[in-house]
Amino acid sequence: MAPDAKAFLPIRIAVLTISDSRTEATDKSGKLLCDRLTNAGHQLAEKAIVPDDIYQIRAIVSRWIADATVQAIITTGGTGVTGRDGTPEAIKPLLDKELQGFGELFRMLSYTDIKTSSLHSRALAGVANRTYAFCLPGSSGACRTGWDELIRPQLDSRHRPCNLADLMPRLQE
């Protein structure tokens, strides 16, 4: 390793699928995220599926935020505009700080694939109790874009010029 090269630091990440219809057998998006994060060298802290219900979403995400061993959370699903889509409403009140650029960049990247349909997404990210939280739409394409283009590089301590992983020790200041 070059003298100025940084070592990779694995992060413990929990994955939550929000869906009224998906099961472990049919959860392609949750599986994609789990596969990609472990292939990148991170550790899966826990995986769960909950219905589109803001209180059930908050309950599990709150538990993970309170768990010092969970360093990041990725949710998939519930970011649209239908009556049952409540992920942003469930997560935003839990955040200490919102990373507005995440949703903006996600929609910009999505636009290249799905054009104006990208405006339906209410993807968001932020920090809660020293834990990063990323909320992605439920499609596997959206999860691929979110992980590959935004989350993976920012949770990689070697990414330059800067990344969220390097800031983790300072989140408790």
Protein backbone atom coordinates (compact mmCIF):
# COMPACT_ATOMS: atom_id res chain seq x y z
CA MET A 1 0.00 0.00 0.00
CA ALA A 2 1.32 3.44 -0.92
CA PRO A 3 2.28 5.64 2.05
CA ASP A 4 -0.61 8.04 1.40
CA ALA A 5 -3.19 5.31 0.63
CA LYS A 6 -5.98 4.79 3.14
CA ALA A 7 -7.11 1.40 4.38
CA PHE A 8 -10.64 0.21 3.70
CA LEU A 9 -12.79 0.30 6.83
CA PRO A 10 -15.82 -2.02 6.75
CA ILE A 11 -19.08 -0.53 7.98
CA ARG A 12 -21.95 -2.41 9.63
CA ILE A 13 -25.07 -1.70 7.55
CA ALA A 14 -28.70 -2.67 8.21
CA VAL A 15 -31.12 -3.06 5.29
CA LEU A 16 -34.87 -2.50 5.56
CA THR A 17 -37.33 -3.32 2.79
CA ILE A 18 -40.59 -1.43 3.09
CA SER A 19 -43.37 -3.22 1.25
CA ASP A 20 -46.87 -4.53 1.73
CA SER A 21 -46.28 -7.40 -0.69
CA ARG A 22 -42.63 -8.50 -0.69
CA THR A 23 -41.32 -11.50 1.19
CA GLU A 24 -37.76 -12.76 1.67
CA ALA A 25 -38.29 -14.90 -1.45
CA THR A 26 -39.48 -11.97 -3.62
CA ASP A 27 -37.39 -9.11 -2.17
CA LYS A 28 -35.06 -8.45 -5.12
CA SER A 29 -34.13 -4.94 -3.99
CA GLY A 30 -33.21 -5.91 -0.44
CA LYS A 31 -31.18 -8.85 -1.73
CA LEU A 32 -29.41 -6.61 -4.26
CA LEU A 33 -28.41 -4.17 -1.50
CA CYS A 34 -27.22 -6.97 0.82
CA ASP A 35 -25.18 -8.56 -1.96
CA ARG A 36 -23.63 -5.29 -3.04
CA LEU A 37 -22.70 -4.13 0.44
CA THR A 38 -21.09 -7.44 1.38
CA ASN A 39 -19.31 -7.67 -2.00
CA ALA A 40 -17.90 -4.20 -1.27
CA GLY A 41 -16.43 -5.53 2.00
CA HIS A 42 -19.01 -4.13 4.43
CA GLN A 43 -20.91 -6.20 6.99
CA LEU A 44 -24.66 -6.81 7.00
CA ALA A 45 -25.79 -5.88 10.52
CA GLU A 46 -29.40 -6.99 10.00
CA LYS A 47 -32.05 -7.26 7.29
CA ALA A 48 -35.81 -6.92 7.73
CA ILE A 49 -39.03 -6.38 5.80
CA VAL A 50 -41.86 -4.22 7.17
CA PRO A 51 -45.17 -3.06 5.69
CA ASP A 52 -45.68 0.50 4.43
CA ASP A 53 -46.63 1.79 7.88
CA ILE A 54 -44.77 4.79 9.30
CA TYR A 55 -44.91 3.50 12.87
CA GLN A 56 -43.54 0.06 12.02
CA ILE A 57 -40.83 1.70 9.89
CA ARG A 58 -39.93 4.09 12.73
CA ALA A 59 -39.85 1.28 15.28
CA ILE A 60 -37.22 -0.78 13.49
CA VAL A 61 -35.19 2.19 12.25
CA SER A 62 -35.23 3.70 15.76
CA ARG A 63 -33.95 0.42 17.18
CA TRP A 64 -31.11 0.38 14.67
CA ILE A 65 -30.30 4.06 15.30
CA ALA A 66 -30.05 3.30 19.04
CA ASP A 67 -27.82 0.25 18.39
CA ALA A 68 -24.18 1.42 18.52
CA THR A 69 -23.12 -1.52 16.33
CA VAL A 70 -25.23 -0.32 13.38
CA GLN A 71 -23.34 2.42 11.56
CA ALA A 72 -25.57 2.89 8.51
CA ILE A 73 -29.10 2.00 7.43
CA ILE A 74 -30.41 1.63 3.90
CA THR A 75 -34.14 1.43 3.30
CA THR A 76 -35.78 0.48 0.03
CA GLY A 77 -39.39 1.27 -0.79
CA GLY A 78 -42.09 3.70 0.27
CA THR A 79 -40.50 6.83 -1.24
CA GLY A 80 -43.16 7.46 -3.89
CA VAL A 81 -46.28 9.60 -3.77
CA THR A 82 -49.11 7.12 -3.21
CA GLY A 83 -51.16 7.03 -0.03
CA ARG A 84 -49.14 4.11 1.37
CA ASP A 85 -45.71 5.64 0.62
CA GLY A 86 -44.58 6.96 3.99
CA THR A 87 -40.86 6.30 4.30
CA PRO A 88 -39.81 9.98 4.25
CA GLU A 89 -42.49 10.82 6.82
CA ALA A 90 -41.26 7.96 9.01
CA ILE A 91 -37.55 8.76 8.75
CA LYS A 92 -37.30 12.58 8.62
CA PRO A 93 -38.41 13.11 12.26
CA LEU A 94 -35.64 10.72 13.37
CA LEU A 95 -32.84 12.61 11.61
CA ASP A 96 -30.53 15.00 13.41
CA LYS A 97 -29.29 16.31 10.06
CA GLU A 98 -30.58 15.80 6.53
CA LEU A 99 -28.21 15.45 3.57
CA GLN A 100 -30.31 17.31 0.99
CA GLY A 101 -27.80 16.67 -1.78
CA PHE A 102 -28.48 12.93 -1.65
CA GLY A 103 -32.03 13.18 -2.96
CA GLU A 104 -31.04 15.83 -5.48
CA LEU A 105 -28.19 13.72 -6.88
CA PHE A 106 -30.28 10.56 -6.84
CA ARG A 107 -33.00 12.18 -8.94
CA MET A 108 -30.40 13.65 -11.30
CA LEU A 109 -28.80 10.23 -11.84
CA SER A 110 -32.21 8.57 -12.21
CA TYR A 111 -33.22 11.09 -14.84
CA THR A 112 -30.69 9.60 -17.29
CA ASP A 113 -32.58 6.27 -17.09
CA ILE A 114 -36.20 7.11 -16.39
CA LYS A 115 -36.44 10.75 -17.44
CA THR A 116 -39.20 12.79 -15.78
CA SER A 117 -40.43 9.77 -13.80
CA SER A 118 -37.47 10.51 -11.49
CA LEU A 119 -39.46 13.36 -9.94
CA HIS A 120 -41.73 10.77 -8.26
CA SER A 121 -38.86 9.76 -5.98
CA ARG A 122 -38.57 11.23 -2.51
CA ALA A 123 -35.20 9.57 -1.84
CA LEU A 124 -33.43 11.08 1.15
CA ALA A 125 -30.50 10.64 3.49
CA GLY A 126 -29.28 11.99 6.79
CA VAL A 127 -27.63 11.32 10.13
CA ALA A 128 -29.36 10.17 13.31
CA ASN A 129 -27.47 9.40 16.52
CA ARG A 130 -24.15 8.87 14.66
CA THR A 131 -25.87 6.55 12.15
CA TYR A 132 -26.21 7.29 8.45
CA ALA A 133 -29.65 6.63 6.98
CA PHE A 134 -30.30 6.32 3.25
CA CYS A 135 -33.83 5.91 1.85
CA LEU A 136 -34.10 4.56 -1.68
CA PRO A 137 -37.08 3.74 -3.88
CA GLY A 138 -38.21 0.11 -4.03
CA SER A 139 -37.13 -0.85 -7.55
CA SER A 140 -33.95 -2.85 -7.98
CA GLY A 141 -32.82 -0.33 -10.63
CA ALA A 142 -33.16 2.51 -8.12
CA CYS A 143 -31.26 0.50 -5.49
CA ARG A 144 -28.51 -0.26 -8.01
CA THR A 145 -28.19 3.45 -8.88
CA GLY A 146 -28.32 4.56 -5.23
CA TRP A 147 -25.73 2.04 -4.07
CA ASP A 148 -23.36 2.10 -7.02
CA GLU A 149 -23.35 5.83 -7.68
CA LEU A 150 -23.86 7.42 -4.26
CA ILE A 151 -23.77 5.19 -1.19
CA ARG A 152 -20.89 2.84 -2.03
CA PRO A 153 -18.39 5.60 -2.81
CA GLN A 154 -19.42 7.66 0.21
CA LEU A 155 -19.14 4.70 2.61
CA ASP A 156 -15.69 3.81 1.26
CA SER A 157 -12.97 5.39 3.39
CA ARG A 158 -10.63 5.38 0.37
CA HIS A 159 -12.90 7.58 -1.79
CA ARG A 160 -11.43 10.99 -2.56
CA PRO A 161 -11.60 13.89 -2.23
CA CYS A 162 -13.86 13.12 0.75
CA ASN A 163 -16.41 10.62 2.01
CA LEU A 164 -18.94 10.05 4.77
CA ALA A 165 -17.00 7.09 6.20
CA ASP A 166 -14.11 9.33 7.24
CA LEU A 167 -16.54 11.58 9.12
CA MET A 168 -17.98 8.78 11.27
CA PRO A 169 -15.70 9.39 14.28
CA ARG A 170 -16.63 13.09 14.22
CA LEU A 171 -20.39 12.48 14.23
CA GLN A 172 -20.33 12.26 18.03
CA GLU A 173 -18.76 15.71 18.52
